[in-house]
């Protein structure tokens, strides 16, 4: 029995919260960003890229719930999450202090638009994110189905500072050597990190690096914009970011899709507005 199994089994015997799951790992990347892993309900089935509602009780015992993308793939035995820290936030002011062995509330009803089935077949998949918007793509980048459907996957992730890229960098650099997913990833995954405030080898907003043609040139794609016949895209960030990216994609002839009507790109709108 490993340490995580021991924590899981012990906690399972003392669950008191409704829909409780047990924290098994926590890592703090910056004073604004952290990762945590929890046990997975046996009955939970989800598609990579979907989100669930998680939370903690307030001082009066009333649940404070928020939507969180699952950052682990559908095949994983646990559930990963990547979160910001808001010091006066109703939930994250509490959530950032969780430790292995603690409990959180998790509603096992996954939903979301950032799923492969909401896109029409294509050859190249763009994953466009800022900040913690990389979370659903952390799930999709570890799903074999992503690489079986696309010849190339491009992860564009922009943050303000270099340290804020660390979670994504660690994950992406580990994938080719991962015994479970490495053979599917091969050389299909292209990573394009950038910063907007701190000096880094690549700088600039996702929007600017797309419209200027910079990302296409630096990755040697042989084009200067997306082609609706070839390219598919997923978008996850702030409301302003989503709107700006949608305007670019619309201008290039891509159409927004949904679970009920697949098209060339999809946007997750559950976390903004």
C-alpha atoms as a PDB file:
ATOM      1  CA  UNK A   1       0.000   0.000   0.000  1.00  0.00           C
ATOM      2  CA  UNK A   2       1.487   3.350  -0.981  1.00  0.00           C
ATOM      3  CA  UNK A   3       1.085   6.575   0.989  1.00  0.00           C
ATOM      4  CA  UNK A   4      -1.640   7.974  -1.301  1.00  0.00           C
ATOM      5  CA  UNK A   5      -3.671   4.764  -1.009  1.00  0.00           C
ATOM      6  CA  UNK A   6      -3.385   4.931   2.765  1.00  0.00           C
ATOM      7  CA  UNK A   7      -4.592   8.540   2.819  1.00  0.00           C
ATOM      8  CA  UNK A   8      -7.483   7.690   0.518  1.00  0.00           C
ATOM      9  CA  UNK A   9      -8.641   4.655   2.477  1.00  0.00           C
ATOM     10  CA  UNK A  10      -8.318   6.351   5.848  1.00  0.00           C
ATOM     11  CA  UNK A  11     -10.182   9.455   4.738  1.00  0.00           C
ATOM     12  CA  UNK A  12     -12.910   7.390   3.113  1.00  0.00           C
ATOM     13  CA  UNK A  13     -13.815   6.065   6.541  1.00  0.00           C
ATOM     14  CA  UNK A  14     -14.319   9.540   8.044  1.00  0.00           C
ATOM     15  CA  UNK A  15     -16.095  11.459   5.279  1.00  0.00           C
ATOM     16  CA  UNK A  16     -18.575  13.941   6.727  1.00  0.00           C
ATOM     17  CA  UNK A  17     -19.175  16.459   3.913  1.00  0.00           C
ATOM     18  CA  UNK A  18     -21.850  15.724   1.285  1.00  0.00           C
ATOM     19  CA  UNK A  19     -20.283  14.491  -1.962  1.00  0.00           C
ATOM     20  CA  UNK A  20     -16.928  14.519  -0.168  1.00  0.00           C
ATOM     21  CA  UNK A  21     -13.671  13.646  -1.876  1.00  0.00           C
ATOM     22  CA  UNK A  22     -10.277  13.506  -0.222  1.00  0.00           C
ATOM     23  CA  UNK A  23      -7.291  15.672  -1.115  1.00  0.00           C
ATOM     24  CA  UNK A  24      -4.259  13.505  -1.949  1.00  0.00           C
ATOM     25  CA  UNK A  25      -1.734  16.072  -3.235  1.00  0.00           C
ATOM     26  CA  UNK A  26      -1.204  19.853  -3.199  1.00  0.00           C
ATOM     27  CA  UNK A  27       1.493  21.909  -4.945  1.00  0.00           C
ATOM     28  CA  UNK A  28       1.884  25.678  -4.814  1.00  0.00           C
ATOM     29  CA  UNK A  29       3.492  27.198  -7.910  1.00  0.00           C
ATOM     30  CA  UNK A  30       3.312  30.902  -7.068  1.00  0.00           C
ATOM     31  CA  UNK A  31       1.526  33.105  -4.546  1.00  0.00           C
ATOM     32  CA  UNK A  32      -1.379  33.146  -7.029  1.00  0.00           C
ATOM     33  CA  UNK A  33      -1.448  29.608  -8.452  1.00  0.00           C
ATOM     34  CA  UNK A  34      -1.706  26.100  -7.029  1.00  0.00           C
ATOM     35  CA  UNK A  35      -2.539  22.533  -8.036  1.00  0.00           C
ATOM     36  CA  UNK A  36      -4.404  19.896  -6.057  1.00  0.00           C
ATOM     37  CA  UNK A  37      -5.484  16.311  -6.604  1.00  0.00           C
ATOM     38  CA  UNK A  38      -8.438  14.515  -5.052  1.00  0.00           C
ATOM     39  CA  UNK A  39      -9.944  11.072  -5.089  1.00  0.00           C
ATOM     40  CA  UNK A  40     -12.338  10.261  -7.907  1.00  0.00           C
ATOM     41  CA  UNK A  41     -15.896   9.081  -7.244  1.00  0.00           C
ATOM     42  CA  UNK A  42     -16.330   5.558  -8.564  1.00  0.00           C
ATOM     43  CA  UNK A  43     -19.450   6.569 -10.453  1.00  0.00           C
ATOM     44  CA  UNK A  44     -17.913   9.638 -12.144  1.00  0.00           C
ATOM     45  CA  UNK A  45     -17.595   9.397 -15.905  1.00  0.00           C
ATOM     46  CA  UNK A  46     -16.449  12.425 -17.872  1.00  0.00           C
ATOM     47  CA  UNK A  47     -14.990  13.469 -21.201  1.00  0.00           C
ATOM     48  CA  UNK A  48     -11.549  15.070 -21.142  1.00  0.00           C
ATOM     49  CA  UNK A  49     -12.008  18.852 -21.101  1.00  0.00           C
ATOM     50  CA  UNK A  50     -15.190  18.932 -18.989  1.00  0.00           C
ATOM     51  CA  UNK A  51     -15.649  20.623 -15.615  1.00  0.00           C
ATOM     52  CA  UNK A  52     -17.380  19.880 -12.313  1.00  0.00           C
ATOM     53  CA  UNK A  53     -18.563  21.946  -9.363  1.00  0.00           C
ATOM     54  CA  UNK A  54     -16.297  21.802  -6.333  1.00  0.00           C
ATOM     55  CA  UNK A  55     -16.380  23.661  -3.045  1.00  0.00           C
ATOM     56  CA  UNK A  56     -16.003  23.966   0.695  1.00  0.00           C
ATOM     57  CA  UNK A  57     -18.432  24.920   3.475  1.00  0.00           C
ATOM     58  CA  UNK A  58     -18.457  28.509   4.749  1.00  0.00           C
ATOM     59  CA  UNK A  59     -18.418  29.434   8.435  1.00  0.00           C
ATOM     60  CA  UNK A  60     -22.098  28.537   8.681  1.00  0.00           C
ATOM     61  CA  UNK A  61     -21.673  25.191   6.961  1.00  0.00           C
ATOM     62  CA  UNK A  62     -23.242  26.349   3.679  1.00  0.00           C
ATOM     63  CA  UNK A  63     -21.377  25.035   0.607  1.00  0.00           C
ATOM     64  CA  UNK A  64     -19.495  27.584  -1.518  1.00  0.00           C
ATOM     65  CA  UNK A  65     -19.355  26.032  -4.992  1.00  0.00           C
ATOM     66  CA  UNK A  66     -17.504  27.037  -8.156  1.00  0.00           C
ATOM     67  CA  UNK A  67     -16.925  25.472 -11.587  1.00  0.00           C
ATOM     68  CA  UNK A  68     -13.483  23.894 -12.027  1.00  0.00           C
ATOM     69  CA  UNK A  69     -12.110  22.195 -15.119  1.00  0.00           C
ATOM     70  CA  UNK A  70     -10.797  18.699 -14.506  1.00  0.00           C
ATOM     71  CA  UNK A  71      -7.099  18.847 -15.401  1.00  0.00           C
ATOM     72  CA  UNK A  72      -6.620  15.081 -15.477  1.00  0.00           C
ATOM     73  CA  UNK A  73      -7.659  12.877 -18.428  1.00  0.00           C
ATOM     74  CA  UNK A  74     -10.752  10.697 -18.456  1.00  0.00           C
ATOM     75  CA  UNK A  75      -8.702   7.541 -17.829  1.00  0.00           C
ATOM     76  CA  UNK A  76      -7.006   8.804 -14.632  1.00  0.00           C
ATOM     77  CA  UNK A  77      -7.943   7.222 -11.303  1.00  0.00           C
ATOM     78  CA  UNK A  78      -7.773  10.603  -9.547  1.00  0.00           C
ATOM     79  CA  UNK A  79      -8.901  14.149 -10.358  1.00  0.00           C
ATOM     80  CA  UNK A  80      -6.479  17.046 -10.874  1.00  0.00           C
ATOM     81  CA  UNK A  81      -7.355  20.745 -10.563  1.00  0.00           C
ATOM     82  CA  UNK A  82      -5.402  23.953 -11.170  1.00  0.00           C
ATOM     83  CA  UNK A  83      -6.551  27.082  -9.388  1.00  0.00           C
ATOM     84  CA  UNK A  84      -5.864  30.733  -8.775  1.00  0.00           C
ATOM     85  CA  UNK A  85      -5.631  32.114  -5.241  1.00  0.00           C
ATOM     86  CA  UNK A  86      -7.832  35.088  -4.440  1.00  0.00           C
ATOM     87  CA  UNK A  87      -7.097  36.244  -0.910  1.00  0.00           C
ATOM     88  CA  UNK A  88     -10.609  37.581  -0.318  1.00  0.00           C
ATOM     89  CA  UNK A  89     -12.350  35.142  -2.654  1.00  0.00           C
ATOM     90  CA  UNK A  90     -15.307  33.300  -1.120  1.00  0.00           C
ATOM     91  CA  UNK A  91     -13.902  29.903  -2.131  1.00  0.00           C
ATOM     92  CA  UNK A  92     -10.226  30.232  -3.075  1.00  0.00           C
ATOM     93  CA  UNK A  93      -9.376  32.095   0.134  1.00  0.00           C
ATOM     94  CA  UNK A  94     -10.245  28.789   1.843  1.00  0.00           C
ATOM     95  CA  UNK A  95      -9.316  26.325  -0.884  1.00  0.00           C
ATOM     96  CA  UNK A  96      -5.691  27.498  -1.114  1.00  0.00           C
ATOM     97  CA  UNK A  97      -5.080  26.195   2.419  1.00  0.00           C
ATOM     98  CA  UNK A  98      -6.173  22.580   1.843  1.00  0.00           C
ATOM     99  CA  UNK A  99      -3.749  19.790   2.704  1.00  0.00           C
ATOM    100  CA  UNK A 100      -3.566  16.069   1.862  1.00  0.00           C
ATOM    101  CA  UNK A 101      -6.179  14.276   3.922  1.00  0.00           C
ATOM    102  CA  UNK A 102      -8.631  17.193   3.888  1.00  0.00           C
ATOM    103  CA  UNK A 103     -12.013  16.961   2.201  1.00  0.00           C
ATOM    104  CA  UNK A 104     -13.653  19.016  -0.515  1.00  0.00           C
ATOM    105  CA  UNK A 105     -17.172  18.893  -1.932  1.00  0.00           C
ATOM    106  CA  UNK A 106     -17.367  17.617  -5.507  1.00  0.00           C
ATOM    107  CA  UNK A 107     -20.607  17.368  -7.475  1.00  0.00           C
ATOM    108  CA  UNK A 108     -20.135  14.442  -9.906  1.00  0.00           C
ATOM    109  CA  UNK A 109     -22.036  15.974 -12.827  1.00  0.00           C
ATOM    110  CA  UNK A 110     -19.456  16.920 -15.478  1.00  0.00           C
ATOM    111  CA  UNK A 111     -20.353  19.310 -18.297  1.00  0.00           C
ATOM    112  CA  UNK A 112     -18.550  21.638 -20.684  1.00  0.00           C
ATOM    113  CA  UNK A 113     -17.912  22.595 -24.303  1.00  0.00           C
ATOM    114  CA  UNK A 114     -14.157  21.969 -24.494  1.00  0.00           C
ATOM    115  CA  UNK A 115     -14.553  18.401 -25.687  1.00  0.00           C
ATOM    116  CA  UNK A 116     -13.369  16.771 -28.905  1.00  0.00           C
ATOM    117  CA  UNK A 117     -16.879  15.770 -29.925  1.00  0.00           C
ATOM    118  CA  UNK A 118     -17.891  19.450 -30.209  1.00  0.00           C
ATOM    119  CA  UNK A 119     -15.435  19.912 -33.105  1.00  0.00           C
ATOM    120  CA  UNK A 120     -15.677  18.740 -36.684  1.00  0.00           C
ATOM    121  CA  UNK A 121     -12.842  16.464 -37.872  1.00  0.00           C
ATOM    122  CA  UNK A 122      -9.643  18.339 -38.729  1.00  0.00           C
ATOM    123  CA  UNK A 123      -5.882  17.957 -38.973  1.00  0.00           C
ATOM    124  CA  UNK A 124      -4.516  20.520 -36.519  1.00  0.00           C
ATOM    125  CA  UNK A 125      -5.867  21.359 -33.058  1.00  0.00           C
ATOM    126  CA  UNK A 126      -5.076  24.679 -31.383  1.00  0.00           C
ATOM    127  CA  UNK A 127      -5.420  24.927 -27.594  1.00  0.00           C
ATOM    128  CA  UNK A 128      -5.514  28.636 -26.680  1.00  0.00           C
ATOM    129  CA  UNK A 129      -5.311  29.629 -23.019  1.00  0.00           C
ATOM    130  CA  UNK A 130      -4.295  32.262 -20.522  1.00  0.00           C
ATOM    131  CA  UNK A 131      -3.534  31.607 -16.850  1.00  0.00           C
ATOM    132  CA  UNK A 132      -5.463  28.725 -15.317  1.00  0.00           C
ATOM    133  CA  UNK A 133      -7.312  28.341 -18.625  1.00  0.00           C
ATOM    134  CA  UNK A 134      -4.731  25.653 -19.385  1.00  0.00           C
ATOM    135  CA  UNK A 135      -6.501  23.265 -16.975  1.00  0.00           C
ATOM    136  CA  UNK A 136      -8.967  21.639 -19.412  1.00  0.00           C
ATOM    137  CA  UNK A 137      -6.159  21.350 -21.966  1.00  0.00           C
ATOM    138  CA  UNK A 138      -4.010  19.551 -19.397  1.00  0.00           C
ATOM    139  CA  UNK A 139      -6.742  16.920 -19.550  1.00  0.00           C
ATOM    140  CA  UNK A 140      -6.967  16.854 -23.342  1.00  0.00           C
ATOM    141  CA  UNK A 141      -3.185  16.754 -23.849  1.00  0.00           C
ATOM    142  CA  UNK A 142      -3.104  13.515 -21.836  1.00  0.00           C
ATOM    143  CA  UNK A 143      -5.952  11.856 -23.731  1.00  0.00           C
ATOM    144  CA  UNK A 144      -4.875   9.400 -26.475  1.00  0.00           C
ATOM    145  CA  UNK A 145      -7.996  10.272 -28.459  1.00  0.00           C
ATOM    146  CA  UNK A 146      -6.645  13.800 -29.002  1.00  0.00           C
ATOM    147  CA  UNK A 147      -3.644  12.465 -30.911  1.00  0.00           C
ATOM    148  CA  UNK A 148      -5.640   9.844 -32.763  1.00  0.00           C
ATOM    149  CA  UNK A 149      -7.932  12.576 -34.139  1.00  0.00           C
ATOM    150  CA  UNK A 150      -5.263  15.180 -34.993  1.00  0.00           C
ATOM    151  CA  UNK A 151      -1.932  15.144 -36.801  1.00  0.00           C
ATOM    152  CA  UNK A 152      -0.727  18.119 -34.789  1.00  0.00           C
ATOM    153  CA  UNK A 153      -1.694  19.715 -31.464  1.00  0.00           C
ATOM    154  CA  UNK A 154      -0.505  23.232 -30.615  1.00  0.00           C
ATOM    155  CA  UNK A 155      -0.694  24.484 -27.019  1.00  0.00           C
ATOM    156  CA  UNK A 156      -0.495  28.286 -26.813  1.00  0.00           C
ATOM    157  CA  UNK A 157      -0.357  29.437 -23.187  1.00  0.00           C
ATOM    158  CA  UNK A 158       0.307  33.021 -22.124  1.00  0.00           C
ATOM    159  CA  UNK A 159       0.803  34.301 -18.579  1.00  0.00           C
ATOM    160  CA  UNK A 160       2.129  37.510 -17.095  1.00  0.00           C
ATOM    161  CA  UNK A 161       5.283  36.030 -15.561  1.00  0.00           C
ATOM    162  CA  UNK A 162       7.584  33.085 -16.243  1.00  0.00           C
ATOM    163  CA  UNK A 163       6.790  31.328 -12.947  1.00  0.00           C
ATOM    164  CA  UNK A 164       3.130  31.179 -13.934  1.00  0.00           C
ATOM    165  CA  UNK A 165       4.056  28.949 -16.886  1.00  0.00           C
ATOM    166  CA  UNK A 166       5.667  26.292 -14.680  1.00  0.00           C
ATOM    167  CA  UNK A 167       2.642  24.025 -14.240  1.00  0.00           C
ATOM    168  CA  UNK A 168       2.124  23.744 -17.992  1.00  0.00           C
ATOM    169  CA  UNK A 169       5.830  23.398 -18.738  1.00  0.00           C
ATOM    170  CA  UNK A 170       6.252  20.526 -16.272  1.00  0.00           C
ATOM    171  CA  UNK A 171       3.261  18.696 -17.661  1.00  0.00           C
ATOM    172  CA  UNK A 172       4.061  19.142 -21.354  1.00  0.00           C
ATOM    173  CA  UNK A 173       7.757  18.271 -21.041  1.00  0.00           C
ATOM    174  CA  UNK A 174       6.850  15.040 -19.240  1.00  0.00           C
ATOM    175  CA  UNK A 175       4.395  13.784 -21.858  1.00  0.00           C
ATOM    176  CA  UNK A 176       6.752  12.285 -24.485  1.00  0.00           C
ATOM    177  CA  UNK A 177       8.323  10.064 -21.811  1.00  0.00           C
ATOM    178  CA  UNK A 178       5.066   9.166 -20.080  1.00  0.00           C
ATOM    179  CA  UNK A 179       4.625   5.358 -20.219  1.00  0.00           C
ATOM    180  CA  UNK A 180       0.866   5.652 -20.728  1.00  0.00           C
ATOM    181  CA  UNK A 181       0.572   8.529 -23.200  1.00  0.00           C
ATOM    182  CA  UNK A 182       4.069   9.047 -24.628  1.00  0.00           C
ATOM    183  CA  UNK A 183       3.654   6.824 -27.677  1.00  0.00           C
ATOM    184  CA  UNK A 184       0.514   8.722 -28.699  1.00  0.00           C
ATOM    185  CA  UNK A 185       2.088  12.161 -28.226  1.00  0.00           C
ATOM    186  CA  UNK A 186       5.280  11.478 -30.188  1.00  0.00           C
ATOM    187  CA  UNK A 187       6.230  14.685 -32.002  1.00  0.00           C
ATOM    188  CA  UNK A 188       2.622  15.787 -32.546  1.00  0.00           C
ATOM    189  CA  UNK A 189       2.495  18.237 -29.617  1.00  0.00           C
ATOM    190  CA  UNK A 190       3.895  21.753 -30.114  1.00  0.00           C
ATOM    191  CA  UNK A 191       4.198  24.017 -27.059  1.00  0.00           C
ATOM    192  CA  UNK A 192       4.191  27.812 -27.454  1.00  0.00           C
ATOM    193  CA  UNK A 193       4.436  29.524 -24.036  1.00  0.00           C
ATOM    194  CA  UNK A 194       4.688  33.295 -23.754  1.00  0.00           C
ATOM    195  CA  UNK A 195       4.675  36.078 -21.176  1.00  0.00           C
ATOM    196  CA  UNK A 196       3.271  39.593 -21.242  1.00  0.00           C
ATOM    197  CA  UNK A 197       5.164  41.315 -18.400  1.00  0.00           C
ATOM    198  CA  UNK A 198       8.395  39.463 -17.586  1.00  0.00           C
ATOM    199  CA  UNK A 199      11.148  38.984 -20.163  1.00  0.00           C
ATOM    200  CA  UNK A 200      10.993  35.534 -21.758  1.00  0.00           C
ATOM    201  CA  UNK A 201      12.139  33.918 -24.990  1.00  0.00           C
ATOM    202  CA  UNK A 202       8.627  34.435 -26.394  1.00  0.00           C
ATOM    203  CA  UNK A 203       6.509  37.399 -25.405  1.00  0.00           C
ATOM    204  CA  UNK A 204       3.141  38.797 -26.410  1.00  0.00           C
ATOM    205  CA  UNK A 205      -0.531  38.057 -26.039  1.00  0.00           C
ATOM    206  CA  UNK A 206      -2.042  35.032 -27.748  1.00  0.00           C
ATOM    207  CA  UNK A 207      -4.089  37.363 -29.932  1.00  0.00           C
ATOM    208  CA  UNK A 208      -1.034  39.333 -31.085  1.00  0.00           C
ATOM    209  CA  UNK A 209       1.050  36.229 -31.749  1.00  0.00           C
ATOM    210  CA  UNK A 210      -1.773  34.841 -33.871  1.00  0.00           C
ATOM    211  CA  UNK A 211      -2.669  37.923 -35.893  1.00  0.00           C
ATOM    212  CA  UNK A 212       0.953  38.924 -36.528  1.00  0.00           C
ATOM    213  CA  UNK A 213       1.678  35.462 -37.911  1.00  0.00           C
ATOM    214  CA  UNK A 214       4.492  35.104 -35.376  1.00  0.00           C
ATOM    215  CA  UNK A 215       3.417  31.727 -33.997  1.00  0.00           C
ATOM    216  CA  UNK A 216       2.884  30.285 -37.483  1.00  0.00           C
ATOM    217  CA  UNK A 217       6.356  31.374 -38.576  1.00  0.00           C
ATOM    218  CA  UNK A 218       8.188  30.289 -35.426  1.00  0.00           C
ATOM    219  CA  UNK A 219       6.575  26.847 -35.487  1.00  0.00           C
ATOM    220  CA  UNK A 220       7.289  26.482 -39.191  1.00  0.00           C
ATOM    221  CA  UNK A 221       3.680  25.823 -40.128  1.00  0.00           C
ATOM    222  CA  UNK A 222       3.964  27.242 -43.636  1.00  0.00           C
ATOM    223  CA  UNK A 223       0.961  29.537 -43.292  1.00  0.00           C
ATOM    224  CA  UNK A 224       0.053  32.861 -41.674  1.00  0.00           C
ATOM    225  CA  UNK A 225      -3.427  32.097 -40.359  1.00  0.00           C
ATOM    226  CA  UNK A 226      -5.763  29.227 -39.575  1.00  0.00           C
ATOM    227  CA  UNK A 227      -7.574  27.418 -42.372  1.00  0.00           C
ATOM    228  CA  UNK A 228     -11.178  26.295 -41.672  1.00  0.00           C
ATOM    229  CA  UNK A 229     -10.542  23.161 -43.738  1.00  0.00           C
ATOM    230  CA  UNK A 230      -7.615  22.106 -41.560  1.00  0.00           C
ATOM    231  CA  UNK A 231      -7.575  23.916 -38.214  1.00  0.00           C
ATOM    232  CA  UNK A 232      -9.702  23.420 -35.136  1.00  0.00           C
ATOM    233  CA  UNK A 233      -9.435  25.467 -31.929  1.00  0.00           C
ATOM    234  CA  UNK A 234     -10.424  25.445 -28.274  1.00  0.00           C
ATOM    235  CA  UNK A 235     -10.416  28.634 -26.194  1.00  0.00           C
ATOM    236  CA  UNK A 236     -10.297  29.109 -22.407  1.00  0.00           C
ATOM    237  CA  UNK A 237      -9.520  32.365 -20.641  1.00  0.00           C
ATOM    238  CA  UNK A 238     -11.075  35.604 -19.435  1.00  0.00           C
ATOM    239  CA  UNK A 239     -14.213  37.052 -21.021  1.00  0.00           C
ATOM    240  CA  UNK A 240     -12.128  39.670 -22.847  1.00  0.00           C
ATOM    241  CA  UNK A 241      -9.654  37.055 -24.068  1.00  0.00           C
ATOM    242  CA  UNK A 242     -12.427  34.775 -25.302  1.00  0.00           C
ATOM    243  CA  UNK A 243     -14.136  37.596 -27.199  1.00  0.00           C
ATOM    244  CA  UNK A 244     -10.877  38.730 -28.821  1.00  0.00           C
ATOM    245  CA  UNK A 245      -9.971  35.195 -29.918  1.00  0.00           C
ATOM    246  CA  UNK A 246     -13.471  34.543 -31.228  1.00  0.00           C
ATOM    247  CA  UNK A 247     -13.268  37.692 -33.372  1.00  0.00           C
ATOM    248  CA  UNK A 248      -9.982  36.474 -34.871  1.00  0.00           C
ATOM    249  CA  UNK A 249     -11.275  32.969 -35.549  1.00  0.00           C
ATOM    250  CA  UNK A 250     -14.521  34.282 -37.028  1.00  0.00           C
ATOM    251  CA  UNK A 251     -12.475  36.549 -39.297  1.00  0.00           C
ATOM    252  CA  UNK A 252     -10.520  33.554 -40.539  1.00  0.00           C
ATOM    253  CA  UNK A 253     -13.735  31.740 -41.434  1.00  0.00           C
ATOM    254  CA  UNK A 254     -13.966  29.361 -38.479  1.00  0.00           C
ATOM    255  CA  UNK A 255     -17.359  28.900 -36.829  1.00  0.00           C
ATOM    256  CA  UNK A 256     -18.170  28.394 -33.159  1.00  0.00           C
ATOM    257  CA  UNK A 257     -19.383  24.890 -32.341  1.00  0.00           C
ATOM    258  CA  UNK A 258     -21.118  23.138 -29.478  1.00  0.00           C
ATOM    259  CA  UNK A 259     -21.919  19.639 -28.273  1.00  0.00           C
ATOM    260  CA  UNK A 260     -25.179  19.752 -30.210  1.00  0.00           C
ATOM    261  CA  UNK A 261     -23.666  21.297 -33.341  1.00  0.00           C
ATOM    262  CA  UNK A 262     -19.930  20.653 -33.894  1.00  0.00           C
ATOM    263  CA  UNK A 263     -17.953  23.236 -35.885  1.00  0.00           C
ATOM    264  CA  UNK A 264     -14.384  24.575 -36.159  1.00  0.00           C
ATOM    265  CA  UNK A 265     -13.860  26.038 -32.667  1.00  0.00           C
ATOM    266  CA  UNK A 266     -15.323  25.974 -29.165  1.00  0.00           C
ATOM    267  CA  UNK A 267     -15.119  28.338 -26.192  1.00  0.00           C
ATOM    268  CA  UNK A 268     -15.611  27.601 -22.502  1.00  0.00           C
ATOM    269  CA  UNK A 269     -17.875  30.292 -21.052  1.00  0.00           C
ATOM    270  CA  UNK A 270     -18.652  28.792 -17.664  1.00  0.00           C
ATOM    271  CA  UNK A 271     -15.852  30.619 -15.845  1.00  0.00           C
ATOM    272  CA  UNK A 272     -16.364  34.184 -17.097  1.00  0.00           C
ATOM    273  CA  UNK A 273     -18.930  36.948 -17.119  1.00  0.00           C
END
